Protein backbone atom coordinates (compact mmCIF):
# COMPACT_ATOMS: atom_id res chain seq x y z
CA MET A 1 -6.88 -38.01 -35.25
CA PRO A 2 -7.33 -35.61 -38.26
CA ILE A 3 -7.04 -31.84 -37.79
CA GLN A 4 -10.41 -30.11 -37.87
CA GLN A 5 -11.81 -26.67 -37.56
CA LEU A 6 -13.19 -25.72 -34.19
CA SER A 7 -16.69 -24.54 -33.95
CA LYS A 8 -17.46 -20.85 -33.23
CA ASN A 9 -18.90 -21.66 -29.86
CA ILE A 10 -15.82 -23.70 -28.76
CA ILE A 11 -13.58 -20.83 -29.97
CA ASN A 12 -15.53 -18.34 -27.87
CA GLN A 13 -15.46 -20.67 -24.82
CA ILE A 14 -11.64 -21.00 -25.14
CA ALA A 15 -11.35 -17.14 -25.33
CA ALA A 16 -13.66 -16.91 -22.31
CA GLY A 17 -11.17 -19.13 -20.48
CA GLU A 18 -8.50 -16.51 -21.00
CA VAL A 19 -10.67 -13.48 -20.28
CA ILE A 20 -13.38 -14.71 -17.84
CA GLU A 21 -11.82 -16.64 -15.06
CA ARG A 22 -14.42 -16.13 -12.40
CA PRO A 23 -17.44 -13.81 -11.67
CA SER A 24 -15.11 -10.98 -10.66
CA SER A 25 -13.64 -10.99 -14.17
CA VAL A 26 -17.14 -10.29 -15.57
CA VAL A 27 -17.60 -7.45 -13.11
CA ARG A 28 -14.29 -5.94 -14.04
CA GLU A 29 -15.00 -6.09 -17.81
CA LEU A 30 -18.44 -4.56 -17.46
CA LEU A 31 -17.30 -1.85 -15.15
CA ASP A 32 -14.54 -0.90 -17.58
CA ASN A 33 -17.12 -0.67 -20.35
CA ALA A 34 -19.37 1.60 -18.27
CA ILE A 35 -16.47 3.90 -17.25
CA ASP A 36 -15.34 4.11 -20.91
CA ALA A 37 -18.84 5.08 -21.82
CA TYR A 38 -18.48 8.24 -19.69
CA ALA A 39 -21.00 7.19 -17.06
CA ASN A 40 -21.23 9.15 -13.83
CA LYS A 41 -23.57 6.72 -12.08
CA ILE A 42 -23.06 2.96 -12.13
CA ALA A 43 -25.18 0.34 -10.19
CA ILE A 44 -23.98 -3.18 -9.61
CA ILE A 45 -26.23 -6.05 -8.47
CA ILE A 46 -24.86 -9.52 -7.70
CA ALA A 47 -26.50 -12.67 -6.36
CA SER A 48 -25.16 -16.09 -5.25
CA GLY A 49 -21.47 -15.02 -5.62
CA GLY A 50 -22.28 -13.86 -9.16
CA LYS A 51 -23.13 -17.38 -10.32
CA THR A 52 -26.87 -16.74 -10.82
CA LEU A 53 -26.84 -12.93 -11.48
CA ILE A 54 -24.54 -10.07 -12.28
CA GLN A 55 -26.19 -6.87 -13.38
CA ILE A 56 -24.57 -3.57 -14.18
CA ARG A 57 -26.49 -0.44 -15.16
CA ASP A 58 -24.90 2.83 -16.21
CA ASN A 59 -25.97 6.19 -17.55
CA GLY A 60 -23.28 6.44 -20.11
CA LYS A 61 -23.41 7.27 -23.83
CA GLY A 62 -25.32 4.08 -24.73
CA MET A 63 -25.43 2.22 -28.03
CA ASN A 64 -27.69 2.30 -31.13
CA LYS A 65 -29.05 -0.74 -32.93
CA ARG A 66 -26.01 -1.21 -35.09
CA ASP A 67 -23.50 -0.90 -32.24
CA LEU A 68 -25.43 -3.33 -30.07
CA SER A 69 -25.35 -6.01 -32.84
CA LEU A 70 -21.60 -5.63 -33.24
CA ALA A 71 -20.91 -5.49 -29.46
CA ILE A 72 -21.39 -9.24 -29.03
CA GLN A 73 -19.21 -10.15 -31.98
CA ARG A 74 -15.53 -11.05 -31.33
CA HIS A 75 -12.90 -8.46 -32.20
CA CYS A 76 -15.36 -5.60 -32.35
CA THR A 77 -14.72 -2.59 -30.25
CA SER A 78 -15.32 1.27 -30.20
CA LYS A 79 -12.20 1.93 -28.16
CA LEU A 80 -9.34 1.24 -30.53
CA MET A 81 -8.60 3.12 -33.78
CA ASN A 82 -6.04 0.78 -35.40
CA ASP A 83 -3.29 2.14 -33.11
CA LEU A 84 -2.02 -0.13 -30.34
CA THR A 85 0.42 2.54 -29.21
CA ASN A 86 -2.20 5.08 -28.21
CA ILE A 87 -4.88 3.29 -26.19
CA GLN A 88 -6.69 5.62 -23.90
CA THR A 89 -9.50 3.47 -22.60
CA LEU A 90 -9.81 0.67 -20.07
CA GLY A 91 -11.46 -2.09 -22.14
CA PHE A 92 -10.21 -2.60 -25.65
CA ARG A 93 -9.75 -6.24 -26.42
CA GLY A 94 -13.11 -6.64 -28.16
CA GLU A 95 -13.60 -10.09 -26.60
CA ALA A 96 -15.25 -9.46 -23.23
CA LEU A 97 -18.98 -9.55 -24.21
CA PRO A 98 -18.77 -12.46 -26.69
CA SER A 99 -16.69 -14.39 -24.18
CA ILE A 100 -19.20 -13.73 -21.42
CA ALA A 101 -22.07 -14.63 -23.79
CA SER A 102 -20.48 -17.99 -24.57
CA VAL A 103 -20.48 -19.13 -20.89
CA SER A 104 -23.77 -17.54 -19.66
CA LYS A 105 -27.12 -16.18 -20.48
CA LEU A 106 -26.46 -12.58 -21.54
CA MET A 107 -28.93 -9.72 -22.07
CA ILE A 108 -28.04 -6.19 -23.04
CA LYS A 109 -30.26 -3.07 -23.19
CA SER A 110 -28.90 0.22 -24.39
CA LYS A 111 -30.08 3.68 -25.48
CA ARG A 112 -28.36 6.75 -26.78
CA ALA A 113 -29.35 10.25 -25.61
CA PHE A 114 -31.39 11.46 -28.52
CA ASP A 115 -32.73 8.14 -29.81
CA GLU A 116 -36.53 7.57 -29.51
CA ASN A 117 -36.07 4.21 -27.88
CA GLY A 118 -33.44 1.78 -26.75
CA TRP A 119 -32.56 -1.66 -28.04
CA GLU A 120 -32.30 -5.12 -26.46
CA ILE A 121 -30.38 -8.26 -27.47
CA SER A 122 -29.96 -11.61 -25.82
CA VAL A 123 -27.44 -14.47 -26.28
CA ASP A 124 -28.01 -18.04 -24.89
CA GLN A 125 -25.42 -20.74 -25.64
CA GLY A 126 -24.29 -18.89 -28.69
CA GLU A 127 -27.85 -18.33 -29.98
CA ILE A 128 -28.36 -14.60 -30.70
CA SER A 129 -31.80 -13.19 -30.53
CA HIS A 130 -33.35 -10.59 -32.83
CA ILE A 131 -32.71 -7.01 -31.72
CA ARG A 132 -35.95 -5.54 -30.45
CA PRO A 133 -36.92 -1.99 -29.24
CA VAL A 134 -37.29 -1.30 -25.58
CA ALA A 135 -38.29 1.69 -23.45
CA MET A 136 -35.48 2.89 -21.13
CA ASN A 137 -33.42 5.90 -20.19
CA GLN A 138 -30.09 6.80 -21.59
CA GLY A 139 -27.35 4.34 -20.80
CA THR A 140 -26.74 0.57 -20.82
CA LEU A 141 -27.87 -2.38 -18.73
CA VAL A 142 -26.00 -5.67 -18.92
CA GLU A 143 -27.39 -8.72 -17.21
CA VAL A 144 -25.41 -11.96 -16.92
CA ARG A 145 -27.30 -15.01 -15.58
CA ASP A 146 -26.18 -18.55 -14.84
CA LEU A 147 -22.55 -17.98 -15.38
CA PHE A 148 -20.64 -21.09 -16.62
CA TYR A 149 -23.82 -23.11 -16.85
CA SER A 150 -22.78 -24.32 -20.29
CA THR A 151 -19.30 -25.25 -19.02
CA PRO A 152 -19.98 -27.29 -15.74
CA ALA A 153 -16.29 -28.01 -15.35
CA ARG A 154 -15.57 -24.38 -14.90
CA LEU A 155 -18.44 -23.98 -12.52
CA LYS A 156 -17.15 -26.79 -10.33
CA PHE A 157 -13.89 -25.02 -9.72
CA LEU A 158 -15.40 -21.74 -8.55
CA LYS A 159 -15.07 -20.94 -4.83
CA THR A 160 -17.87 -20.47 -2.31
CA ASP A 161 -20.47 -17.77 -2.78
CA ARG A 162 -18.87 -15.74 -0.04
CA ALA A 163 -15.37 -15.95 -1.50
CA GLU A 164 -16.65 -15.00 -4.95
CA THR A 165 -18.63 -12.08 -3.45
CA ILE A 166 -15.54 -10.76 -1.67
CA SER A 167 -13.56 -10.99 -4.92
CA MET A 168 -16.18 -9.02 -6.80
CA THR A 169 -16.47 -6.46 -3.96
CA GLU A 170 -12.68 -5.92 -4.19
CA ILE A 171 -13.03 -5.10 -8.00
CA VAL A 172 -15.75 -2.66 -7.24
CA LYS A 173 -13.63 -1.02 -4.61
CA ARG A 174 -10.75 -0.61 -7.04
CA SER A 175 -13.08 1.17 -9.44
CA VAL A 176 -14.47 3.32 -6.58
CA LEU A 177 -11.01 4.48 -5.64
CA GLY A 178 -9.85 4.86 -9.24
CA TYR A 179 -12.81 7.02 -10.32
CA ARG A 180 -13.84 9.27 -7.53
CA ASN A 181 -15.98 11.44 -9.87
CA ILE A 182 -18.35 8.51 -10.49
CA GLY A 183 -21.12 7.43 -8.10
CA PHE A 184 -21.27 3.73 -7.51
CA THR A 185 -23.96 1.54 -5.79
CA LEU A 186 -23.36 -2.09 -4.91
CA SER A 187 -26.23 -4.48 -3.95
CA VAL A 188 -25.42 -8.06 -2.81
CA ASN A 189 -28.26 -10.68 -2.63
CA ASP A 190 -30.98 -7.98 -2.32
CA ARG A 191 -29.79 -7.23 1.25
CA ASN A 192 -26.43 -5.44 1.55
CA HIS A 193 -26.60 -2.12 -0.18
CA THR A 194 -23.55 0.23 -0.32
CA GLU A 195 -23.56 3.60 -1.99
CA TYR A 196 -20.41 5.52 -2.88
CA GLU A 197 -21.30 9.07 -3.76
CA ALA A 198 -19.36 10.86 -6.41
CA GLU A 199 -16.56 12.98 -4.93
CA LYS A 200 -17.26 16.67 -4.44
CA GLY A 201 -14.48 18.25 -2.41
CA GLU A 202 -12.18 17.14 0.36
CA LYS A 203 -15.05 15.97 2.66
CA SER A 204 -16.44 13.69 0.08
CA LEU A 205 -12.94 12.28 -0.69
CA ARG A 206 -12.34 11.43 3.01
CA ARG A 207 -15.77 9.77 3.23
CA ARG A 208 -15.02 7.54 0.21
CA LEU A 209 -11.46 6.70 1.50
CA ASN A 210 -13.03 5.78 4.91
CA MET A 211 -15.59 3.48 3.26
CA VAL A 212 -13.02 1.61 1.32
CA LEU A 213 -9.80 1.78 3.38
CA GLY A 214 -11.24 2.41 6.81
CA ASP A 215 -11.53 5.41 9.04
CA GLU A 216 -7.95 5.25 10.21
CA PHE A 217 -6.30 5.65 6.77
CA SER A 218 -7.48 9.17 6.19
CA HIS A 219 -6.07 10.13 9.61
CA ASN A 220 -2.73 8.55 8.92
CA MET A 221 -2.00 9.30 5.25
CA MET A 222 0.64 11.30 3.57
CA VAL A 223 -0.08 13.15 0.31
CA ILE A 224 2.07 12.07 -2.64
CA GLN A 225 2.75 14.39 -5.63
CA GLU A 226 5.80 14.07 -7.70
CA GLU A 227 6.62 14.53 -11.47
CA ARG A 228 9.65 13.30 -13.35
CA GLU A 229 10.32 13.32 -17.06
CA GLY A 230 6.66 13.88 -17.99
CA VAL A 231 5.30 11.15 -15.63
CA LEU A 232 2.99 12.43 -12.92
CA LEU A 233 2.58 10.47 -9.65
CA THR A 234 -0.21 11.48 -7.17
CA GLY A 235 -2.10 9.71 -4.38
CA TYR A 236 -1.79 8.89 -0.73
CA ALA A 237 0.43 6.58 1.38
CA ALA A 238 0.07 5.58 4.97
CA LEU A 239 2.60 6.43 7.73
CA PRO A 240 4.91 3.48 8.30
CA THR A 241 3.31 2.65 11.67
CA TYR A 242 -0.09 2.21 9.91
CA ASN A 243 0.53 -1.07 8.06
CA ARG A 244 -1.07 -4.43 7.16
CA GLY A 245 -0.17 -8.09 7.00
CA THR A 246 -0.65 -8.39 3.24
CA SER A 247 -0.22 -6.18 0.17
CA LEU A 248 -3.93 -6.22 -0.64
CA HIS A 249 -4.26 -2.64 0.47
CA GLN A 250 -1.79 -1.36 -2.12
CA PHE A 251 -3.79 0.19 -5.02
CA ILE A 252 -1.89 1.29 -8.14
CA TYR A 253 -3.53 2.94 -11.20
CA VAL A 254 -1.89 3.68 -14.55
CA ASN A 255 -3.98 6.17 -16.57
CA GLY A 256 -7.00 5.06 -14.59
CA ARG A 257 -6.30 1.38 -15.07
CA SER A 258 -5.95 -0.68 -11.87
CA ILE A 259 -2.99 -2.94 -12.10
CA ARG A 260 -1.04 -5.46 -9.98
CA ASP A 261 2.60 -5.08 -10.79
CA LYS A 262 5.23 -6.94 -8.73
CA GLU A 263 7.96 -4.53 -9.82
CA LEU A 264 6.00 -1.49 -8.61
CA LYS A 265 5.14 -3.28 -5.35
CA GLY A 266 8.83 -3.93 -5.09
CA ALA A 267 9.44 -0.20 -5.42
CA ILE A 268 6.97 0.43 -2.65
CA LYS A 269 8.64 -2.18 -0.53
CA SER A 270 12.01 -0.52 -1.11
CA ALA A 271 10.71 2.94 0.00
CA TYR A 272 9.53 1.49 3.38
CA LEU A 273 12.54 -0.74 3.68
CA ASP A 274 13.88 0.48 7.00
CA CYS A 275 10.51 1.58 8.45
CA LEU A 276 8.60 -1.74 8.37
CA PRO A 277 9.27 -5.21 9.45
CA ARG A 278 9.76 -7.63 6.52
CA TYR A 279 6.49 -9.34 7.22
CA ARG A 280 4.35 -6.17 7.16
CA HIS A 281 3.12 -4.13 4.19
CA SER A 282 2.36 -0.47 3.71
CA VAL A 283 -1.03 0.88 2.68
CA VAL A 284 -0.83 3.06 -0.55
CA LEU A 285 -3.13 4.50 -3.13
CA LEU A 286 -1.05 5.71 -6.16
CA TYR A 287 -2.06 7.19 -9.47
CA ILE A 288 0.39 7.26 -12.43
CA LYS A 289 -0.36 9.46 -15.42
CA ILE A 290 1.77 8.74 -18.40
CA ALA A 291 1.64 9.22 -22.15
CA PRO A 292 -0.13 6.23 -23.70
CA SER A 293 2.73 5.77 -26.13
CA GLU A 294 5.07 5.01 -23.15
CA ILE A 295 3.15 1.90 -21.94
CA ASP A 296 1.83 -1.31 -23.48
CA VAL A 297 -1.55 -2.29 -21.95
CA ASN A 298 -2.16 -5.28 -24.18
CA VAL A 299 0.05 -7.67 -22.31
CA HIS A 300 -2.37 -9.48 -19.96
CA PRO A 301 -5.69 -11.18 -20.94
CA ALA A 302 -7.36 -9.77 -17.80
CA LYS A 303 -5.77 -6.35 -18.19
CA LEU A 304 -4.10 -6.63 -14.77
CA GLU A 305 -0.57 -5.63 -15.97
CA VAL A 306 0.97 -3.04 -18.22
CA ARG A 307 4.52 -2.88 -19.70
CA PHE A 308 6.40 0.44 -19.27
CA ARG A 309 8.89 1.55 -21.94
CA ASP A 310 11.19 2.78 -19.10
CA PRO A 311 10.26 0.78 -15.92
CA CYS A 312 13.37 2.03 -14.05
CA LEU A 313 11.95 5.63 -14.28
CA ILE A 314 8.66 4.55 -12.76
CA ARG A 315 10.36 2.52 -9.95
CA ARG A 316 12.61 5.52 -9.11
CA LEU A 317 9.64 7.87 -9.21
CA ILE A 318 7.60 5.79 -6.79
CA THR A 319 10.41 5.01 -4.36
CA GLY A 320 11.66 8.59 -4.38
CA ALA A 321 8.24 10.09 -3.81
CA LEU A 322 7.42 7.74 -0.97
CA LYS A 323 10.77 8.24 0.72
CA LYS A 324 10.37 11.96 0.51
CA ALA A 325 6.87 11.83 2.10
CA ILE A 326 8.09 9.52 4.86
CA SER A 327 11.05 11.87 5.52
CA LYS A 328 8.70 14.89 5.71
CA SER A 329 6.52 13.09 8.22
CA LYS A 330 9.49 13.20 10.69
CA HIS A 331 8.21 12.23 14.13
CA LEU A 332 4.60 11.32 13.18
CA ALA A 333 3.20 8.00 14.06
CA SER A 334 -0.13 6.56 13.34
CA THR A 335 -3.18 7.11 15.58
CA GLU A 336 -3.65 3.34 15.83
CA GLY A 337 -1.38 3.12 18.85
CA GLY A 338 -3.44 5.70 20.82
CA ASN A 339 -6.70 4.08 19.78
CA ARG A 340 -5.40 0.67 20.84
CA LEU A 341 -4.31 2.11 24.26
CA PHE A 342 -7.67 3.70 24.72
CA SER A 343 -9.39 0.50 23.80
CA ILE A 344 -7.30 -1.37 26.40
CA LEU A 345 -8.04 1.19 29.11
CA SER A 346 -11.79 1.02 28.23
CA LYS A 347 -11.88 -2.75 28.44
CA SER A 348 -10.07 -2.80 31.73
CA GLY A 349 -13.27 -1.69 33.42
CA LEU A 350 -11.96 1.44 35.12
CA GLU A 351 -14.25 2.72 37.85
CA THR A 352 -13.98 5.60 40.14
CA PRO A 353 -13.27 4.08 43.65
CA HIS A 354 -15.22 5.16 46.73
CA SER A 355 -13.25 7.29 49.17
CA SER A 356 -12.95 4.39 51.61
CA GLN A 357 -11.28 2.34 48.89
CA ILE A 358 -8.68 4.84 48.02
CA ARG A 359 -5.24 3.76 49.06
CA ARG A 360 -3.33 6.54 50.68
CA PRO A 361 0.45 6.70 49.82
CA SER A 362 2.68 5.88 52.70
CA THR A 363 4.82 8.54 54.33
CA ALA A 364 7.93 6.79 53.02
CA SER A 365 6.72 6.92 49.45
CA LEU A 366 5.87 10.59 49.77
CA ASN A 367 9.41 11.23 50.89
CA GLN A 368 10.91 9.48 47.81
CA PRO A 369 11.88 11.97 45.08
CA SER A 370 10.50 11.34 41.57
CA SER A 371 12.83 10.35 38.67
CA PHE A 372 13.09 13.98 37.48
CA GLN A 373 13.45 15.59 40.96
CA ARG A 374 16.58 13.74 41.87
CA SER A 375 20.02 15.19 41.94
CA LYS A 376 22.38 14.63 39.11
CA ASN A 377 24.75 13.01 41.61
CA ASP A 378 22.37 10.04 41.73
CA VAL A 379 23.40 9.01 38.24
CA ASN A 380 26.71 7.21 38.31
CA GLU A 381 26.96 6.32 34.61
CA SER A 382 27.21 8.36 31.53
CA LEU A 383 24.04 8.68 29.52
CA LEU A 384 25.30 7.06 26.32
CA SER A 385 28.30 5.63 24.66
CA GLN A 386 30.20 7.93 22.28
CA LYS A 387 28.24 6.57 19.23
CA GLY A 388 24.82 7.56 20.60
CA GLU A 389 25.56 10.53 22.89
CA LEU A 390 22.94 13.03 23.80
CA HIS A 391 24.57 16.40 24.23
CA SER A 392 23.09 18.40 27.05
CA SER A 393 24.93 21.69 26.72
CA ASN A 394 21.92 23.48 25.34
CA MET A 395 19.18 21.33 26.96
CA THR A 396 17.99 23.95 29.41
CA THR A 397 17.37 26.53 26.59
CA ILE A 398 13.98 24.95 25.86
CA ASP A 399 12.22 26.68 28.75
CA GLN A 400 14.15 29.84 28.44
CA VAL A 401 12.76 30.83 25.06
CA GLY A 402 9.19 30.70 26.39
CA LEU A 403 7.84 27.94 24.13
CA THR A 404 4.41 26.52 25.01
CA GLU A 405 2.98 23.07 24.35
CA LYS A 406 1.47 24.49 21.20
CA ASP A 407 4.89 25.06 19.70
CA LEU A 408 6.02 21.52 20.63
CA PRO A 409 4.35 18.67 18.76
CA LEU A 410 5.50 16.03 21.14
CA GLY A 411 4.89 18.24 24.05
CA ARG A 412 6.97 18.87 27.23
CA ALA A 413 8.32 16.04 29.31
CA CYS A 414 6.72 15.62 32.74
CA ALA A 415 8.13 12.41 34.16
CA GLN A 416 9.84 9.14 33.51
CA LEU A 417 7.80 5.90 34.12
CA HIS A 418 9.63 2.70 35.30
CA LYS A 419 12.85 4.12 33.82
CA ARG A 420 11.58 3.18 30.39
CA TYR A 421 8.78 5.48 29.21
CA ILE A 422 8.70 9.28 29.09
CA ILE A 423 5.40 10.99 29.82
CA SER A 424 4.93 14.19 28.00
CA GLN A 425 2.13 16.81 28.04
CA THR A 426 0.96 18.19 24.70
CA GLU A 427 -1.47 21.07 23.99
CA ASP A 428 -4.51 18.78 23.88
CA GLY A 429 -3.37 15.54 25.50
CA MET A 430 -0.38 13.47 26.46
CA VAL A 431 2.27 11.40 24.72
CA ILE A 432 3.98 8.19 26.09
CA ILE A 433 7.45 7.71 24.46
CA ASP A 434 9.48 4.50 24.45
CA GLN A 435 12.86 6.10 25.24
CA HIS A 436 14.97 3.20 23.82
CA ALA A 437 12.94 2.87 20.61
CA ALA A 438 12.98 6.63 20.04
CA HIS A 439 16.68 7.11 20.51
CA GLU A 440 17.43 3.97 18.47
CA ARG A 441 15.85 5.75 15.44
CA LEU A 442 17.86 8.89 16.09
CA VAL A 443 21.12 7.02 16.22
CA TYR A 444 20.24 4.91 13.29
CA GLU A 445 19.39 7.92 11.10
CA LYS A 446 22.85 9.42 12.02
CA LEU A 447 24.55 6.18 10.94
CA LYS A 448 22.70 6.16 7.65
CA GLN A 449 23.68 9.75 7.06
CA GLN A 450 27.34 8.87 7.68
CA ILE A 451 27.14 5.96 5.26
CA ALA A 452 25.51 8.17 2.66
CA ILE A 453 28.24 10.78 2.99
CA ASN A 454 31.32 8.54 3.33
CA GLY A 455 30.09 5.52 1.34
CA VAL A 456 30.21 1.92 2.31
CA ALA A 457 33.68 0.73 3.27
CA VAL A 458 34.70 -2.30 1.30
CA GLN A 459 37.10 -5.24 1.99
CA MET A 460 39.06 -6.52 -1.01
CA LEU A 461 39.33 -10.37 -1.09
CA LEU A 462 42.91 -11.62 -1.41
CA ILE A 463 41.61 -14.49 -3.60
CA PRO A 464 38.25 -13.81 -5.45
CA GLU A 465 35.50 -16.26 -4.44
CA ILE A 466 33.89 -18.15 -7.46
CA VAL A 467 30.22 -18.87 -7.33
CA GLU A 468 28.41 -21.04 -9.87
CA ILE A 469 24.80 -20.31 -10.79
CA PRO A 470 22.48 -21.20 -13.67
CA GLU A 471 23.06 -19.40 -16.89
CA GLU A 472 19.66 -17.74 -16.93
CA ASP A 473 20.35 -16.32 -13.47
CA MET A 474 23.62 -14.95 -14.64
CA SER A 475 21.95 -12.43 -17.03
CA ARG A 476 19.56 -11.27 -14.28
CA LEU A 477 22.36 -10.70 -11.71
CA LEU A 478 24.76 -9.03 -14.14
CA ALA A 479 22.09 -6.55 -15.13
CA HIS A 480 22.05 -5.25 -11.49
CA THR A 481 25.77 -4.97 -10.92
CA ASP A 482 25.64 -1.19 -11.11
CA SER A 483 23.07 -1.10 -8.32
CA LEU A 484 25.17 -3.51 -6.20
CA SER A 485 28.46 -1.65 -6.48
CA PRO A 486 27.47 1.38 -4.28
CA PHE A 487 26.92 -1.11 -1.44
CA GLY A 488 30.40 -2.60 -1.63
CA LEU A 489 29.79 -5.71 -3.71
CA SER A 490 31.97 -6.11 -6.66
CA ILE A 491 31.24 -9.06 -9.00
CA LYS A 492 32.49 -10.06 -12.44
CA PRO A 493 31.58 -12.97 -14.80
CA VAL A 494 34.31 -15.56 -15.30
CA GLY A 495 32.36 -17.86 -17.58
CA PRO A 496 28.78 -18.57 -18.76
CA ARG A 497 27.72 -19.92 -15.35
CA ALA A 498 30.20 -18.49 -12.87
CA ILE A 499 30.95 -15.14 -11.23
CA ALA A 500 33.89 -13.95 -9.19
CA ILE A 501 33.36 -11.89 -6.05
CA HIS A 502 36.19 -9.33 -5.68
CA GLU A 503 34.92 -7.05 -2.86
CA THR A 504 32.38 -7.24 -0.18
CA PRO A 505 31.08 -4.65 2.39
CA ALA A 506 33.41 -4.38 5.35
CA ILE A 507 30.51 -3.83 7.67
CA LEU A 508 29.20 -7.30 7.07
CA GLY A 509 32.40 -8.98 8.07
CA THR A 510 32.81 -12.61 6.86
CA ILE A 511 29.91 -13.65 4.68
CA ASP A 512 28.71 -16.82 2.95
CA SER A 513 29.21 -15.74 -0.63
CA THR A 514 27.31 -18.54 -2.28
CA ALA A 515 24.27 -18.01 0.00
CA LEU A 516 24.39 -14.27 -0.64
CA ILE A 517 24.49 -14.57 -4.44
CA LYS A 518 21.58 -17.10 -4.40
CA ASP A 519 19.54 -14.71 -2.26
CA LEU A 520 20.28 -11.81 -4.63
CA VAL A 521 19.20 -13.93 -7.61
CA ASP A 522 16.00 -15.04 -5.84
CA GLU A 523 15.15 -11.42 -4.95
CA ILE A 524 15.85 -10.15 -8.47
CA TYR A 525 13.71 -12.91 -9.94
CA GLU A 526 10.77 -12.04 -7.66
CA TRP A 527 10.86 -8.26 -7.73
CA ASN A 528 13.29 -7.36 -10.66
CA ILE A 529 15.11 -5.12 -8.21
CA SER A 530 17.67 -5.80 -5.54
CA THR A 531 17.42 -4.26 -2.07
CA LEU A 532 19.22 -7.14 -0.34
CA MET A 533 22.61 -5.51 0.05
CA SER A 534 21.08 -2.26 1.22
CA ASN A 535 18.84 -4.20 3.67
CA LYS A 536 21.77 -6.18 5.07
CA ILE A 537 23.88 -3.06 5.60
CA HIS A 538 20.97 -1.30 7.20
CA GLN A 539 20.30 -4.30 9.41
CA VAL A 540 23.85 -4.05 10.77
CA ALA A 541 23.47 -0.35 11.20
CA SER A 542 20.20 -0.94 12.95
CA THR A 543 21.81 -3.41 15.33
CA MET A 544 24.63 -0.89 16.04
CA ALA A 545 22.03 1.81 16.71
CA CYS A 546 20.14 -0.54 19.05
CA HIS A 547 23.33 -1.16 21.13
CA ALA A 548 24.32 2.52 21.13
CA SER A 549 20.94 3.87 22.25
CA ILE A 550 19.42 4.73 25.59
CA ARG A 551 18.62 1.45 27.31
CA SER A 552 15.40 0.65 29.07
CA GLY A 553 15.99 0.95 32.75
CA ARG A 554 18.15 4.07 32.53
CA ARG A 555 17.13 7.14 34.46
CA LEU A 556 16.93 10.43 32.52
CA PHE A 557 17.02 13.97 33.65
CA LEU A 558 14.01 16.15 32.70
CA GLU A 559 16.25 18.18 30.40
CA GLU A 560 17.43 15.02 28.75
CA MET A 561 13.89 13.84 28.11
CA ASN A 562 13.02 17.20 26.47
CA GLN A 563 16.04 17.08 24.36
CA LEU A 564 15.09 13.60 23.13
CA LEU A 565 11.70 14.93 22.22
CA ARG A 566 13.01 17.91 20.32
CA ASP A 567 15.50 15.64 18.39
CA MET A 568 12.57 13.36 17.48
CA GLU A 569 10.63 16.34 16.08
CA SER A 570 13.47 17.26 13.74
CA THR A 571 14.50 13.66 12.68
CA PRO A 572 12.93 11.84 9.69
CA ARG A 573 11.12 8.63 10.53
CA SER A 574 11.35 9.05 14.17
CA GLY A 575 7.69 7.95 14.67
CA GLN A 576 8.97 4.35 14.39
CA CYS A 577 12.05 2.59 15.44
CA SER A 578 14.37 0.85 12.89
CA HIS A 579 12.36 -2.40 13.50
CA GLY A 580 9.16 -0.73 12.51
CA ARG A 581 7.63 -0.38 15.98
CA PRO A 582 6.05 2.93 17.00
CA THR A 583 8.22 5.03 19.26
CA TYR A 584 5.30 6.73 20.92
CA VAL A 585 1.51 6.68 21.44
CA GLU A 586 -0.72 9.71 22.00
CA LEU A 587 -3.93 10.11 23.92
CA LYS A 588 -6.15 13.22 23.62
CA LEU A 589 -8.00 15.03 26.42
CA THR A 590 -11.26 13.78 24.83
CA ASP A 591 -10.04 10.21 25.36
CA PHE A 592 -9.54 10.86 29.09
CA GLU A 593 -12.93 12.56 29.36
CA LYS A 594 -14.53 9.40 27.86
CA LEU A 595 -12.69 7.23 30.25
CA PHE A 596 -13.93 9.25 33.26
CA GLY A 597 -17.45 9.61 31.94
CA ILE A 598 -17.23 13.27 31.43
CA CYS A 599 -18.59 13.09 27.83
């Protein structure tokens, strides 16, 4: 078959295949244009999953007649001044509108502030209408109808209306979180109408966060603010005990651009490494501000990724900032546990019994001392092994200094329940502490501190073990040898497809070297970072902490309970155990009042 020139319409449809994958791609491109036009109000209307209608109206700068005629031509843009190293806008490719026009019925109306009238243009299957004057207010209205009607094959592969609507809503939410100074309205099928008011102060910020991320996030978030080498990181991150089953609730913005970067998600994963189970994901909202010359935004057709000049700097910044915030949170745990407990109590159908139904305690039970009234002679075993010992020499000083519940975030211990849970009274409620989970975290943090100070002990192999791996994996693995060395793993190349293992961490004992190296290669391929060695060492430390901690079923003195609470208040990450479970739940007095019908 002879080589022939493709038609303009086919060329545009091919370009549309790269830029416009589904209705949400159209929404993203048009929102980017509206934001770049300095709009402070944007209205989005969608119908039938975006297949029949997508309409976006803004009050931005608008376009005159000449600009409008060029806007639907390929490689025309107002956002790029022949300098690909200094892009300060969201949309810049100059292909979105002509690509959309090639697979839909497109209509654009636009007006500048001081023009007498606006202008309208339409495109249908590549046929461009004459530009005609139209009466309208300042801004731009873009209407996309019958998406992919000219390419039925593409239309056939779209998902259900509901799935496409959810995808578009997620795009809108990302813009809502990225530009809190802009008011957004979203209408779906002329029924569901959601309005996001422009942020005006802390109260408005919390309202917007609640609408997008849920009410609980604003009550369980940590403020992030860190700067390193000219890169500013701000935002919010949830406490480790407030987590989700997927990473869809991780929002990352670079100079206002919403991105999905597996390396940055790997940095987030690394920060929460010993606070979350491997199958759970943190909730974060991070904003990175960096010089445009330090990033390349022209690396993805849908503008979902950027390339950093120094990616290691960004990863260290994110991981360090999140770890610092988690450390500062100390004993805090999310309010979800308390809310879940209140919900369980509410659903249990608690009723105030009549006096005749009240069971009176027997005389025998009245004569039994409570767990904190008994004599110390009743305990025949030491509280802990040497590794996890709770020192009681200064335990009784808590009451002597005259502290009140107001001075004690976790309150004052009142009793031990079933030799497993500590009941504590706070200033405005009560706390239930899992004594084993809480002390496990305390011991684990001490072990981690010892490892950080003394380093990881290594065992030198008498005969180095040789592991063969593909050549392309060799280069990835050898690029991370410096990050593996501090964790006791020493490797050296002995050929184009083989490495020799000379040292391994002593704490891990005998290991399967081949399996370890393959796991390392897989992790580096997926995340471009390696946390496997750190994770394995911390898992062993976690197991040691578990065995060295207070066991469930062990009675504690009242002073010992209080000492545990004070240690929790001063220990980082003590709101969750080393397996990611909360160490305590809290109920407020208002919760009890609701249970008993007082309010």
